[in-house]
Amino acid sequence: MTLAERFGATIELTEPDATLQGTFFVKRRPTAAHESFMTSLLAALESHSQLIMHHQSGFAVVELSYGDAQRLKRLPAVDTVGGIQLNLEQFRAVTGASIEG
């Protein structure tokens, strides 16, 4: 007997709407070179303006739809893709970086 059955609960899991826009953290595989990772990532984006930032340590932050973010997981150089919240005002205040948003 499952936990749900024991308590008479119904569990339903659904993914977000594929067109829902969000901000996503994309981490490269440790074995992938950053240049290869960025080349494949930029080729997968509809516009380079979707790239918010990236760092040589192996990550990028992008704005795109949930469906497009899920497709990034298929890229050979990509290890992880996950939704994040980014407070651009706080980021600018702490880093002094100028990021569009």
PDB file of N, CA and C in Angstrom:
ATOM      1  N   MET A   1       0.845  -1.175   0.000  1.00  0.00           N
ATOM      2  CA  MET A   1       0.000   0.000   0.000  1.00  0.00           C
ATOM      3  C   MET A   1       0.891   1.239   0.000  1.00  0.00           C
ATOM      4  N   THR A   2       0.577   2.163  -0.901  1.00  0.00           N
ATOM      5  CA  THR A   2       1.356   3.399  -0.973  1.00  0.00           C
ATOM      6  C   THR A   2       0.868   4.381   0.090  1.00  0.00           C
ATOM      7  N   LEU A   3       1.669   5.380   0.342  1.00  0.00           N
ATOM      8  CA  LEU A   3       1.298   6.418   1.296  1.00  0.00           C
ATOM      9  C   LEU A   3       0.015   7.113   0.861  1.00  0.00           C
ATOM     10  N   ALA A   4      -0.116   7.385  -0.430  1.00  0.00           N
ATOM     11  CA  ALA A   4      -1.322   8.039  -0.942  1.00  0.00           C
ATOM     12  C   ALA A   4      -2.551   7.171  -0.697  1.00  0.00           C
ATOM     13  N   GLU A   5      -2.423   5.869  -0.960  1.00  0.00           N
ATOM     14  CA  GLU A   5      -3.555   4.959  -0.747  1.00  0.00           C
ATOM     15  C   GLU A   5      -3.921   4.886   0.732  1.00  0.00           C
ATOM     16  N   ARG A   6      -2.921   4.871   1.586  1.00  0.00           N
ATOM     17  CA  ARG A   6      -3.158   4.780   3.028  1.00  0.00           C
ATOM     18  C   ARG A   6      -4.009   5.949   3.535  1.00  0.00           C
ATOM     19  N   PHE A   7      -3.778   7.135   3.000  1.00  0.00           N
ATOM     20  CA  PHE A   7      -4.508   8.316   3.458  1.00  0.00           C
ATOM     21  C   PHE A   7      -5.650   8.708   2.529  1.00  0.00           C
ATOM     22  N   GLY A   8      -5.889   7.909   1.492  1.00  0.00           N
ATOM     23  CA  GLY A   8      -6.964   8.220   0.563  1.00  0.00           C
ATOM     24  C   GLY A   8      -6.683   9.464  -0.272  1.00  0.00           C
ATOM     25  N   ALA A   9      -5.412   9.732  -0.497  1.00  0.00           N
ATOM     26  CA  ALA A   9      -5.025  10.938  -1.237  1.00  0.00           C
ATOM     27  C   ALA A   9      -4.889  10.639  -2.726  1.00  0.00           C
ATOM     28  N   THR A  10      -5.030  11.679  -3.503  1.00  0.00           N
ATOM     29  CA  THR A  10      -4.785  11.608  -4.932  1.00  0.00           C
ATOM     30  C   THR A  10      -3.597  12.513  -5.227  1.00  0.00           C
ATOM     31  N   ILE A  11      -2.637  11.980  -5.948  1.00  0.00           N
ATOM     32  CA  ILE A  11      -1.446  12.756  -6.294  1.00  0.00           C
ATOM     33  C   ILE A  11      -1.402  12.914  -7.799  1.00  0.00           C
ATOM     34  N   GLU A  12      -1.296  14.165  -8.236  1.00  0.00           N
ATOM     35  CA  GLU A  12      -1.233  14.446  -9.665  1.00  0.00           C
ATOM     36  C   GLU A  12      -0.077  15.391  -9.914  1.00  0.00           C
ATOM     37  N   LEU A  13       0.836  14.975 -10.772  1.00  0.00           N
ATOM     38  CA  LEU A  13       1.982  15.801 -11.119  1.00  0.00           C
ATOM     39  C   LEU A  13       1.847  16.241 -12.568  1.00  0.00           C
ATOM     40  N   THR A  14       1.989  17.540 -12.780  1.00  0.00           N
ATOM     41  CA  THR A  14       1.935  18.065 -14.141  1.00  0.00           C
ATOM     42  C   THR A  14       3.090  19.048 -14.324  1.00  0.00           C
ATOM     43  N   GLU A  15       3.592  19.111 -15.537  1.00  0.00           N
ATOM     44  CA  GLU A  15       4.636  20.070 -15.859  1.00  0.00           C
ATOM     45  C   GLU A  15       4.000  21.424 -16.144  1.00  0.00           C
ATOM     46  N   PRO A  16       4.766  22.492 -15.988  1.00  0.00           N
ATOM     47  CA  PRO A  16       4.250  23.811 -16.361  1.00  0.00           C
ATOM     48  C   PRO A  16       3.935  23.874 -17.852  1.00  0.00           C
ATOM     49  N   ASP A  17       3.140  24.848 -18.228  1.00  0.00           N
ATOM     50  CA  ASP A  17       2.842  25.101 -19.638  1.00  0.00           C
ATOM     51  C   ASP A  17       4.167  25.328 -20.375  1.00  0.00           C
ATOM     52  N   ALA A  18       4.347  24.679 -21.513  1.00  0.00           N
ATOM     53  CA  ALA A  18       5.598  24.765 -22.278  1.00  0.00           C
ATOM     54  C   ALA A  18       5.918  26.185 -22.722  1.00  0.00           C
ATOM     55  N   THR A  19       4.897  27.065 -22.826  1.00  0.00           N
ATOM     56  CA  THR A  19       5.129  28.432 -23.289  1.00  0.00           C
ATOM     57  C   THR A  19       5.426  29.401 -22.146  1.00  0.00           C
ATOM     58  N   LEU A  20       5.334  28.936 -20.907  1.00  0.00           N
ATOM     59  CA  LEU A  20       5.587  29.781 -19.742  1.00  0.00           C
ATOM     60  C   LEU A  20       7.029  30.264 -19.764  1.00  0.00           C
ATOM     61  N   GLN A  21       7.238  31.577 -19.699  1.00  0.00           N
ATOM     62  CA  GLN A  21       8.577  32.166 -19.746  1.00  0.00           C
ATOM     63  C   GLN A  21       9.196  32.172 -18.355  1.00  0.00           C
ATOM     64  N   GLY A  22      10.506  31.967 -18.288  1.00  0.00           N
ATOM     65  CA  GLY A  22      11.189  31.974 -17.005  1.00  0.00           C
ATOM     66  C   GLY A  22      12.674  32.196 -17.168  1.00  0.00           C
ATOM     67  N   THR A  23      13.358  32.211 -16.037  1.00  0.00           N
ATOM     68  CA  THR A  23      14.807  32.361 -15.987  1.00  0.00           C
ATOM     69  C   THR A  23      15.384  31.017 -15.560  1.00  0.00           C
ATOM     70  N   PHE A  24      16.394  30.534 -16.286  1.00  0.00           N
ATOM     71  CA  PHE A  24      16.934  29.202 -16.058  1.00  0.00           C
ATOM     72  C   PHE A  24      18.447  29.232 -15.915  1.00  0.00           C
ATOM     73  N   PHE A  25      18.925  28.443 -14.965  1.00  0.00           N
ATOM     74  CA  PHE A  25      20.356  28.220 -14.747  1.00  0.00           C
ATOM     75  C   PHE A  25      20.743  27.006 -15.578  1.00  0.00           C
ATOM     76  N   VAL A  26      21.771  27.147 -16.406  1.00  0.00           N
ATOM     77  CA  VAL A  26      22.231  26.047 -17.258  1.00  0.00           C
ATOM     78  C   VAL A  26      23.685  25.763 -16.894  1.00  0.00           C
ATOM     79  N   LYS A  27      23.939  24.544 -16.443  1.00  0.00           N
ATOM     80  CA  LYS A  27      25.291  24.154 -16.021  1.00  0.00           C
ATOM     81  C   LYS A  27      25.892  23.217 -17.061  1.00  0.00           C
ATOM     82  N   ARG A  28      27.147  23.450 -17.383  1.00  0.00           N
ATOM     83  CA  ARG A  28      27.807  22.582 -18.370  1.00  0.00           C
ATOM     84  C   ARG A  28      28.360  21.339 -17.692  1.00  0.00           C
ATOM     85  N   ARG A  29      28.530  20.304 -18.505  1.00  0.00           N
ATOM     86  CA  ARG A  29      29.160  19.074 -18.014  1.00  0.00           C
ATOM     87  C   ARG A  29      30.623  19.374 -17.682  1.00  0.00           C
ATOM     88  N   PRO A  30      31.153  18.761 -16.647  1.00  0.00           N
ATOM     89  CA  PRO A  30      32.556  19.005 -16.282  1.00  0.00           C
ATOM     90  C   PRO A  30      33.532  18.659 -17.402  1.00  0.00           C
ATOM     91  N   THR A  31      33.159  17.723 -18.261  1.00  0.00           N
ATOM     92  CA  THR A  31      34.049  17.294 -19.344  1.00  0.00           C
ATOM     93  C   THR A  31      33.976  18.200 -20.574  1.00  0.00           C
ATOM     94  N   ALA A  32      33.027  19.127 -20.603  1.00  0.00           N
ATOM     95  CA  ALA A  32      32.849  20.014 -21.762  1.00  0.00           C
ATOM     96  C   ALA A  32      33.639  21.311 -21.571  1.00  0.00           C
ATOM     97  N   ALA A  33      34.258  21.752 -22.637  1.00  0.00           N
ATOM     98  CA  ALA A  33      34.953  23.042 -22.610  1.00  0.00           C
ATOM     99  C   ALA A  33      33.905  24.154 -22.608  1.00  0.00           C
ATOM    100  N   HIS A  34      34.203  25.251 -21.923  1.00  0.00           N
ATOM    101  CA  HIS A  34      33.231  26.346 -21.829  1.00  0.00           C
ATOM    102  C   HIS A  34      32.892  26.899 -23.212  1.00  0.00           C
ATOM    103  N   GLU A  35      33.872  26.999 -24.090  1.00  0.00           N
ATOM    104  CA  GLU A  35      33.621  27.536 -25.430  1.00  0.00           C
ATOM    105  C   GLU A  35      32.644  26.638 -26.203  1.00  0.00           C
ATOM    106  N   SER A  36      32.807  25.335 -26.115  1.00  0.00           N
ATOM    107  CA  SER A  36      31.883  24.394 -26.778  1.00  0.00           C
ATOM    108  C   SER A  36      30.485  24.500 -26.182  1.00  0.00           C
ATOM    109  N   PHE A  37      30.438  24.586 -24.863  1.00  0.00           N
ATOM    110  CA  PHE A  37      29.167  24.728 -24.151  1.00  0.00           C
ATOM    111  C   PHE A  37      28.431  25.980 -24.622  1.00  0.00           C
ATOM    112  N   MET A  38      29.132  27.107 -24.666  1.00  0.00           N
ATOM    113  CA  MET A  38      28.503  28.365 -25.060  1.00  0.00           C
ATOM    114  C   MET A  38      28.112  28.370 -26.534  1.00  0.00           C
ATOM    115  N   THR A  39      28.921  27.771 -27.387  1.00  0.00           N
ATOM    116  CA  THR A  39      28.588  27.705 -28.808  1.00  0.00           C
ATOM    117  C   THR A  39      27.294  26.926 -29.016  1.00  0.00           C
ATOM    118  N   SER A  40      27.164  25.773 -28.364  1.00  0.00           N
ATOM    119  CA  SER A  40      25.944  24.968 -28.526  1.00  0.00           C
ATOM    120  C   SER A  40      24.742  25.637 -27.865  1.00  0.00           C
ATOM    121  N   LEU A  41      24.966  26.287 -26.734  1.00  0.00           N
ATOM    122  CA  LEU A  41      23.868  26.975 -26.045  1.00  0.00           C
ATOM    123  C   LEU A  41      23.342  28.130 -26.903  1.00  0.00           C
ATOM    124  N   LEU A  42      24.231  28.967 -27.406  1.00  0.00           N
ATOM    125  CA  LEU A  42      23.806  30.099 -28.221  1.00  0.00           C
ATOM    126  C   LEU A  42      23.118  29.642 -29.507  1.00  0.00           C
ATOM    127  N   ALA A  43      23.571  28.536 -30.080  1.00  0.00           N
ATOM    128  CA  ALA A  43      22.925  28.002 -31.283  1.00  0.00           C
ATOM    129  C   ALA A  43      21.506  27.522 -30.983  1.00  0.00           C
ATOM    130  N   ALA A  44      21.269  27.077 -29.760  1.00  0.00           N
ATOM    131  CA  ALA A  44      19.951  26.560 -29.379  1.00  0.00           C
ATOM    132  C   ALA A  44      18.963  27.676 -29.027  1.00  0.00           C
ATOM    133  N   LEU A  45      19.466  28.868 -28.711  1.00  0.00           N
ATOM    134  CA  LEU A  45      18.592  29.982 -28.349  1.00  0.00           C
ATOM    135  C   LEU A  45      18.036  30.643 -29.606  1.00  0.00           C
ATOM    136  N   GLU A  46      16.837  31.183 -29.506  1.00  0.00           N
ATOM    137  CA  GLU A  46      16.241  31.906 -30.633  1.00  0.00           C
ATOM    138  C   GLU A  46      16.952  33.232 -30.854  1.00  0.00           C
ATOM    139  N   SER A  47      17.452  33.826 -29.763  1.00  0.00           N
ATOM    140  CA  SER A  47      18.104  35.126 -29.832  1.00  0.00           C
ATOM    141  C   SER A  47      19.198  35.188 -28.771  1.00  0.00           C
ATOM    142  N   HIS A  48      20.308  35.807 -29.109  1.00  0.00           N
ATOM    143  CA  HIS A  48      21.387  35.952 -28.127  1.00  0.00           C
ATOM    144  C   HIS A  48      20.958  36.824 -26.960  1.00  0.00           C
ATOM    145  N   SER A  49      19.891  37.618 -27.136  1.00  0.00           N
ATOM    146  CA  SER A  49      19.400  38.458 -26.039  1.00  0.00           C
ATOM    147  C   SER A  49      18.786  37.622 -24.917  1.00  0.00           C
ATOM    148  N   GLN A  50      18.537  36.335 -25.164  1.00  0.00           N
ATOM    149  CA  GLN A  50      18.000  35.458 -24.118  1.00  0.00           C
ATOM    150  C   GLN A  50      19.079  35.080 -23.100  1.00  0.00           C
ATOM    151  N   LEU A  51      20.341  35.279 -23.449  1.00  0.00           N
ATOM    152  CA  LEU A  51      21.450  34.999 -22.543  1.00  0.00           C
ATOM    153  C   LEU A  51      21.609  36.180 -21.597  1.00  0.00           C
ATOM    154  N   ILE A  52      21.423  35.938 -20.307  1.00  0.00           N
ATOM    155  CA  ILE A  52      21.567  37.009 -19.319  1.00  0.00           C
ATOM    156  C   ILE A  52      23.026  37.133 -18.901  1.00  0.00           C
ATOM    157  N   MET A  53      23.664  35.982 -18.620  1.00  0.00           N
ATOM    158  CA  MET A  53      25.069  35.987 -18.215  1.00  0.00           C
ATOM    159  C   MET A  53      25.629  34.580 -18.355  1.00  0.00           C
ATOM    160  N   HIS A  54      26.951  34.509 -18.366  1.00  0.00           N
ATOM    161  CA  HIS A  54      27.625  33.215 -18.304  1.00  0.00           C
ATOM    162  C   HIS A  54      28.972  33.422 -17.628  1.00  0.00           C
ATOM    163  N   HIS A  55      29.542  32.330 -17.167  1.00  0.00           N
ATOM    164  CA  HIS A  55      30.828  32.412 -16.489  1.00  0.00           C
ATOM    165  C   HIS A  55      31.685  31.221 -16.877  1.00  0.00           C
ATOM    166  N   GLN A  56      32.984  31.447 -16.967  1.00  0.00           N
ATOM    167  CA  GLN A  56      33.944  30.404 -17.349  1.00  0.00           C
ATOM    168  C   GLN A  56      33.913  29.201 -16.408  1.00  0.00           C
ATOM    169  N   SER A  57      33.415  29.379 -15.197  1.00  0.00           N
ATOM    170  CA  SER A  57      33.361  28.260 -14.253  1.00  0.00           C
ATOM    171  C   SER A  57      32.361  27.194 -14.695  1.00  0.00           C
ATOM    172  N   GLY A  58      31.533  27.524 -15.704  1.00  0.00           N
ATOM    173  CA  GLY A  58      30.697  26.485 -16.274  1.00  0.00           C
ATOM    174  C   GLY A  58      29.202  26.654 -16.185  1.00  0.00           C
ATOM    175  N   PHE A  59      28.728  27.885 -16.209  1.00  0.00           N
ATOM    176  CA  PHE A  59      27.284  28.064 -16.178  1.00  0.00           C
ATOM    177  C   PHE A  59      26.845  29.242 -17.038  1.00  0.00           C
ATOM    178  N   ALA A  60      25.548  29.255 -17.300  1.00  0.00           N
ATOM    179  CA  ALA A  60      24.911  30.374 -17.983  1.00  0.00           C
ATOM    180  C   ALA A  60      23.531  30.560 -17.361  1.00  0.00           C
ATOM    181  N   VAL A  61      23.010  31.767 -17.467  1.00  0.00           N
ATOM    182  CA  VAL A  61      21.647  32.084 -17.041  1.00  0.00           C
ATOM    183  C   VAL A  61      20.936  32.628 -18.267  1.00  0.00           C
ATOM    184  N   VAL A  62      19.788  32.038 -18.581  1.00  0.00           N
ATOM    185  CA  VAL A  62      19.040  32.401 -19.784  1.00  0.00           C
ATOM    186  C   VAL A  62      17.575  32.649 -19.448  1.00  0.00           C
ATOM    187  N   GLU A  63      16.923  33.436 -20.299  1.00  0.00           N
ATOM    188  CA  GLU A  63      15.473  33.647 -20.204  1.00  0.00           C
ATOM    189  C   GLU A  63      14.833  33.023 -21.430  1.00  0.00           C
ATOM    190  N   LEU A  64      13.944  32.065 -21.213  1.00  0.00           N
ATOM    191  CA  LEU A  64      13.262  31.409 -22.313  1.00  0.00           C
ATOM    192  C   LEU A  64      12.056  30.644 -21.787  1.00  0.00           C
ATOM    193  N   SER A  65      11.346  29.998 -22.670  1.00  0.00           N
ATOM    194  CA  SER A  65      10.151  29.257 -22.257  1.00  0.00           C
ATOM    195  C   SER A  65      10.550  27.956 -21.568  1.00  0.00           C
ATOM    196  N   TYR A  66       9.629  27.421 -20.775  1.00  0.00           N
ATOM    197  CA  TYR A  66       9.863  26.158 -20.089  1.00  0.00           C
ATOM    198  C   TYR A  66      10.168  25.047 -21.104  1.00  0.00           C
ATOM    199  N   GLY A  67       9.412  25.001 -22.198  1.00  0.00           N
ATOM    200  CA  GLY A  67       9.633  23.988 -23.227  1.00  0.00           C
ATOM    201  C   GLY A  67      11.015  24.074 -23.834  1.00  0.00           C
ATOM    202  N   ASP A  68      11.467  25.291 -24.130  1.00  0.00           N
ATOM    203  CA  ASP A  68      12.809  25.469 -24.684  1.00  0.00           C
ATOM    204  C   ASP A  68      13.880  25.083 -23.665  1.00  0.00           C
ATOM    205  N   ALA A  69      13.639  25.379 -22.396  1.00  0.00           N
ATOM    206  CA  ALA A  69      14.591  25.005 -21.342  1.00  0.00           C
ATOM    207  C   ALA A  69      14.720  23.488 -21.264  1.00  0.00           C
ATOM    208  N   GLN A  70      13.620  22.780 -21.390  1.00  0.00           N
ATOM    209  CA  GLN A  70      13.668  21.317 -21.354  1.00  0.00           C
ATOM    210  C   GLN A  70      14.460  20.765 -22.534  1.00  0.00           C
ATOM    211  N   ARG A  71      14.370  21.410 -23.684  1.00  0.00           N
ATOM    212  CA  ARG A  71      15.126  20.968 -24.861  1.00  0.00           C
ATOM    213  C   ARG A  71      16.632  21.175 -24.685  1.00  0.00           C
ATOM    214  N   LEU A  72      17.023  22.173 -23.886  1.00  0.00           N
ATOM    215  CA  LEU A  72      18.453  22.397 -23.640  1.00  0.00           C
ATOM    216  C   LEU A  72      19.097  21.196 -22.955  1.00  0.00           C
ATOM    217  N   LYS A  73      18.310  20.438 -22.194  1.00  0.00           N
ATOM    218  CA  LYS A  73      18.844  19.271 -21.483  1.00  0.00           C
ATOM    219  C   LYS A  73      19.395  18.219 -22.436  1.00  0.00           C
ATOM    220  N   ARG A  74      18.979  18.258 -23.685  1.00  0.00           N
ATOM    221  CA  ARG A  74      19.435  17.274 -24.680  1.00  0.00           C
ATOM    222  C   ARG A  74      20.796  17.624 -25.275  1.00  0.00           C
ATOM    223  N   LEU A  75      21.270  18.837 -25.051  1.00  0.00           N
ATOM    224  CA  LEU A  75      22.567  19.238 -25.605  1.00  0.00           C
ATOM    225  C   LEU A  75      23.677  18.442 -24.922  1.00  0.00           C
ATOM    226  N   PRO A  76      24.621  17.896 -25.679  1.00  0.00           N
ATOM    227  CA  PRO A  76      25.684  17.070 -25.090  1.00  0.00           C
ATOM    228  C   PRO A  76      26.523  17.790 -24.034  1.00  0.00           C
ATOM    229  N   ALA A  77      26.709  19.095 -24.153  1.00  0.00           N
ATOM    230  CA  ALA A  77      27.544  19.836 -23.209  1.00  0.00           C
ATOM    231  C   ALA A  77      26.797  20.265 -21.950  1.00  0.00           C
ATOM    232  N   VAL A  78      25.474  20.054 -21.916  1.00  0.00           N
ATOM    233  CA  VAL A  78      24.658  20.515 -20.783  1.00  0.00           C
ATOM    234  C   VAL A  78      24.485  19.412 -19.752  1.00  0.00           C
ATOM    235  N   ASP A  79      24.755  19.747 -18.504  1.00  0.00           N
ATOM    236  CA  ASP A  79      24.599  18.809 -17.390  1.00  0.00           C
ATOM    237  C   ASP A  79      23.256  19.002 -16.693  1.00  0.00           C
ATOM    238  N   THR A  80      22.904  20.262 -16.408  1.00  0.00           N
ATOM    239  CA  THR A  80      21.718  20.562 -15.617  1.00  0.00           C
ATOM    240  C   THR A  80      21.034  21.821 -16.138  1.00  0.00           C
ATOM    241  N   VAL A  81      19.703  21.809 -16.113  1.00  0.00           N
ATOM    242  CA  VAL A  81      18.906  22.999 -16.417  1.00  0.00           C
ATOM    243  C   VAL A  81      17.845  23.103 -15.335  1.00  0.00           C
ATOM    244  N   GLY A  82      17.749  24.262 -14.682  1.00  0.00           N
ATOM    245  CA  GLY A  82      16.745  24.435 -13.639  1.00  0.00           C
ATOM    246  C   GLY A  82      16.282  25.867 -13.542  1.00  0.00           C
ATOM    247  N   GLY A  83      15.027  26.024 -13.193  1.00  0.00           N
ATOM    248  CA  GLY A  83      14.455  27.358 -13.037  1.00  0.00           C
ATOM    249  C   GLY A  83      15.000  28.062 -11.806  1.00  0.00           C
ATOM    250  N   ILE A  84      15.216  29.362 -11.928  1.00  0.00           N
ATOM    251  CA  ILE A  84      15.700  30.171 -10.809  1.00  0.00           C
ATOM    252  C   ILE A  84      14.956  31.503 -10.782  1.00  0.00           C
ATOM    253  N   GLN A  85      15.074  32.196  -9.662  1.00  0.00           N
ATOM    254  CA  GLN A  85      14.601  33.571  -9.568  1.00  0.00           C
ATOM    255  C   GLN A  85      15.836  34.443  -9.411  1.00  0.00           C
ATOM    256  N   LEU A  86      15.910  35.488 -10.199  1.00  0.00           N
ATOM    257  CA  LEU A  86      17.059  36.378 -10.172  1.00  0.00           C
ATOM    258  C   LEU A  86      16.572  37.792  -9.930  1.00  0.00           C
ATOM    259  N   ASN A  87      16.997  38.387  -8.831  1.00  0.00           N
ATOM    260  CA  ASN A  87      16.656  39.762  -8.510  1.00  0.00           C
ATOM    261  C   ASN A  87      17.723  40.650  -9.157  1.00  0.00           C
ATOM    262  N   LEU A  88      17.400  41.198 -10.334  1.00  0.00           N
ATOM    263  CA  LEU A  88      18.387  41.965 -11.088  1.00  0.00           C
ATOM    264  C   LEU A  88      18.854  43.211 -10.353  1.00  0.00           C
ATOM    265  N   GLU A  89      17.969  43.868  -9.624  1.00  0.00           N
ATOM    266  CA  GLU A  89      18.364  45.073  -8.890  1.00  0.00           C
ATOM    267  C   GLU A  89      19.385  44.730  -7.810  1.00  0.00           C
ATOM    268  N   GLN A  90      19.145  43.651  -7.076  1.00  0.00           N
ATOM    269  CA  GLN A  90      20.074  43.241  -6.026  1.00  0.00           C
ATOM    270  C   GLN A  90      21.396  42.776  -6.644  1.00  0.00           C
ATOM    271  N   PHE A  91      21.317  42.062  -7.761  1.00  0.00           N
ATOM    272  CA  PHE A  91      22.526  41.604  -8.442  1.00  0.00           C
ATOM    273  C   PHE A  91      23.380  42.793  -8.862  1.00  0.00           C
ATOM    274  N   ARG A  92      22.737  43.817  -9.447  1.00  0.00           N
ATOM    275  CA  ARG A  92      23.478  45.018  -9.867  1.00  0.00           C
ATOM    276  C   ARG A  92      24.111  45.717  -8.675  1.00  0.00           C
ATOM    277  N   ALA A  93      23.354  45.809  -7.555  1.00  0.00           N
ATOM    278  CA  ALA A  93      23.863  46.494  -6.366  1.00  0.00           C
ATOM    279  C   ALA A  93      25.082  45.793  -5.784  1.00  0.00           C
ATOM    280  N   VAL A  94      25.079  44.467  -5.784  1.00  0.00           N
ATOM    281  CA  VAL A  94      26.171  43.705  -5.197  1.00  0.00           C
ATOM    282  C   VAL A  94      27.373  43.628  -6.120  1.00  0.00           C
ATOM    283  N   THR A  95      27.134  43.446  -7.425  1.00  0.00           N
ATOM    284  CA  THR A  95      28.246  43.214  -8.354  1.00  0.00           C
ATOM    285  C   THR A  95      28.670  44.452  -9.123  1.00  0.00           C
ATOM    286  N   GLY A  96      27.771  45.424  -9.237  1.00  0.00           N
ATOM    287  CA  GLY A  96      28.066  46.579 -10.070  1.00  0.00           C
ATOM    288  C   GLY A  96      27.911  46.295 -11.553  1.00  0.00           C
ATOM    289  N   ALA A  97      27.469  45.061 -11.871  1.00  0.00           N
ATOM    290  CA  ALA A  97      27.309  44.643 -13.271  1.00  0.00           C
ATOM    291  C   ALA A  97      26.049  45.253 -13.871  1.00  0.00           C
ATOM    292  N   SER A  98      26.119  45.561 -15.132  1.00  0.00           N
ATOM    293  CA  SER A  98      24.969  46.084 -15.852  1.00  0.00           C
ATOM    294  C   SER A  98      24.353  44.948 -16.660  1.00  0.00           C
ATOM    295  N   ILE A  99      23.164  44.511 -16.257  1.00  0.00           N
ATOM    296  CA  ILE A  99      22.480  43.413 -16.932  1.00  0.00           C
ATOM    297  C   ILE A  99      21.113  43.901 -17.355  1.00  0.00           C
ATOM    298  N   GLU A 100      20.770  43.633 -18.602  1.00  0.00           N
ATOM    299  CA  GLU A 100      19.440  44.002 -19.085  1.00  0.00           C
ATOM    300  C   GLU A 100      18.405  43.116 -18.425  1.00  0.00           C
ATOM    301  N   GLY A 101      17.229  43.635 -18.235  1.00  0.00           N
ATOM    302  CA  GLY A 101      16.192  42.786 -17.661  1.00  0.00           C
ATOM    303  C   GLY A 101      14.940  43.554 -17.353  1.00  0.00           C
TER     304      GLY A 101
END
